[in-house]
Amino acid sequence: MAWFLLFLAGLFECGWAIGLKYTEGFTRPLPTALTVISMVVSVVLLGMAVKHLPIGTAYAVWTGIGTVGTVLLGVWLLGDEASVSRLACILLIAGGIAGLKLTA
């Protein structure tokens, strides 16, 4: 269950990271509210997960999921660059996440 909570926390981290772009400097109320809610949910879920997982592993996986998801959503939603080198680096991060999960 802790790994599932951590995965959800990572997804909500993607939500608030991408949400920051849509807040336009926190000037748009609805995107701002959704972004802040995503922030809170992400941190609360992380806090619940670290009750049962090592903090270093949980934090690295949380930020890794957030990084990979945010980059991919940036490419898909915002037109960010999707070069081979960027995607190869994202694969390295995803491999690190998988390695931490397998060795935890």
Protein backbone atom coordinates (compact mmCIF):
# COMPACT_ATOMS: atom_id res chain seq x y z
CA MET A 1 0.00 0.00 0.00
CA ALA A 2 2.87 2.40 0.76
CA TRP A 3 4.21 2.05 -2.79
CA PHE A 4 0.77 2.76 -4.22
CA LEU A 5 0.46 5.89 -2.07
CA LEU A 6 3.92 6.96 -3.20
CA PHE A 7 2.97 6.45 -6.84
CA LEU A 8 -0.18 8.57 -6.37
CA ALA A 9 1.91 11.23 -4.62
CA GLY A 10 4.19 11.31 -7.64
CA LEU A 11 1.25 11.72 -9.99
CA PHE A 12 -0.07 14.63 -7.94
CA GLU A 13 3.41 16.14 -8.07
CA CYS A 14 3.15 16.07 -11.87
CA GLY A 15 -0.23 17.75 -11.53
CA TRP A 16 1.03 20.66 -9.51
CA ALA A 17 4.20 21.09 -11.55
CA ILE A 18 2.23 21.33 -14.78
CA GLY A 19 -0.45 23.34 -13.00
CA LEU A 20 2.08 26.05 -12.25
CA LYS A 21 2.24 26.85 -15.96
CA TYR A 22 -1.53 27.26 -16.14
CA THR A 23 -1.74 29.55 -13.08
CA GLU A 24 0.05 32.30 -15.03
CA GLY A 25 1.88 33.51 -11.94
CA PHE A 26 -1.01 32.58 -9.62
CA THR A 27 -3.28 35.11 -11.34
CA ARG A 28 -5.89 32.58 -12.52
CA PRO A 29 -8.06 31.40 -9.60
CA LEU A 30 -9.18 27.95 -10.76
CA PRO A 31 -5.78 26.70 -11.98
CA THR A 32 -4.21 28.19 -8.84
CA ALA A 33 -6.67 26.39 -6.56
CA LEU A 34 -6.18 23.08 -8.37
CA THR A 35 -2.41 23.49 -8.25
CA VAL A 36 -2.40 24.20 -4.51
CA ILE A 37 -4.71 21.23 -3.88
CA SER A 38 -2.38 19.00 -5.90
CA MET A 39 0.58 20.25 -3.86
CA VAL A 40 -1.12 19.46 -0.57
CA VAL A 41 -2.36 16.03 -1.69
CA SER A 42 1.08 15.14 -3.05
CA VAL A 43 2.88 15.99 0.18
CA VAL A 44 0.25 14.33 2.38
CA LEU A 45 0.47 11.11 0.36
CA LEU A 46 4.26 11.24 0.51
CA GLY A 47 4.03 11.66 4.28
CA MET A 48 1.78 8.64 4.55
CA ALA A 49 4.11 6.54 2.37
CA VAL A 50 7.24 7.37 4.38
CA LYS A 51 5.67 5.82 7.47
CA HIS A 52 6.52 2.48 5.85
CA LEU A 53 9.31 3.26 3.36
CA PRO A 54 12.84 4.60 3.82
CA ILE A 55 12.76 8.40 3.43
CA GLY A 56 15.64 8.52 0.94
CA THR A 57 14.08 5.92 -1.31
CA ALA A 58 10.60 7.40 -1.06
CA TYR A 59 11.78 10.94 -1.76
CA ALA A 60 13.90 9.86 -4.75
CA VAL A 61 11.03 7.85 -6.22
CA TRP A 62 8.54 10.69 -5.57
CA THR A 63 10.70 13.29 -7.28
CA GLY A 64 11.58 10.83 -10.06
CA ILE A 65 7.94 10.12 -10.85
CA GLY A 66 7.27 13.84 -10.76
CA THR A 67 10.21 14.58 -13.05
CA VAL A 68 9.43 11.92 -15.62
CA GLY A 69 5.72 12.70 -15.62
CA THR A 70 6.22 16.44 -15.82
CA VAL A 71 8.64 16.19 -18.73
CA LEU A 72 6.31 13.87 -20.64
CA LEU A 73 3.28 16.06 -19.92
CA GLY A 74 5.28 19.13 -20.92
CA VAL A 75 6.02 17.51 -24.27
CA TRP A 76 2.42 16.38 -24.74
CA LEU A 77 0.52 19.39 -23.42
CA LEU A 78 2.88 22.33 -23.73
CA GLY A 79 4.95 21.54 -26.81
CA ASP A 80 8.23 21.13 -24.94
CA GLU A 81 11.11 19.69 -26.95
CA ALA A 82 11.14 15.89 -27.32
CA SER A 83 14.66 15.28 -28.56
CA VAL A 84 16.22 11.85 -28.46
CA SER A 85 18.75 12.99 -25.84
CA ARG A 86 16.02 14.37 -23.54
CA LEU A 87 13.97 11.20 -23.81
CA ALA A 88 17.07 9.06 -23.22
CA CYS A 89 17.76 10.98 -20.02
CA ILE A 90 14.16 10.48 -18.91
CA LEU A 91 14.61 6.74 -19.50
CA LEU A 92 17.65 6.84 -17.22
CA ILE A 93 15.58 8.45 -14.48
CA ALA A 94 12.80 5.89 -14.96
CA GLY A 95 15.41 3.13 -14.73
CA GLY A 96 16.64 4.59 -11.44
CA ILE A 97 13.11 4.63 -10.07
CA ALA A 98 12.63 0.99 -11.06
CA GLY A 99 15.99 0.10 -9.50
CA LEU A 100 15.05 1.74 -6.21
CA LYS A 101 11.73 -0.09 -6.15
CA LEU A 102 13.39 -3.42 -6.90
CA THR A 103 16.05 -3.02 -4.22
CA ALA A 104 13.83 -1.56 -1.48
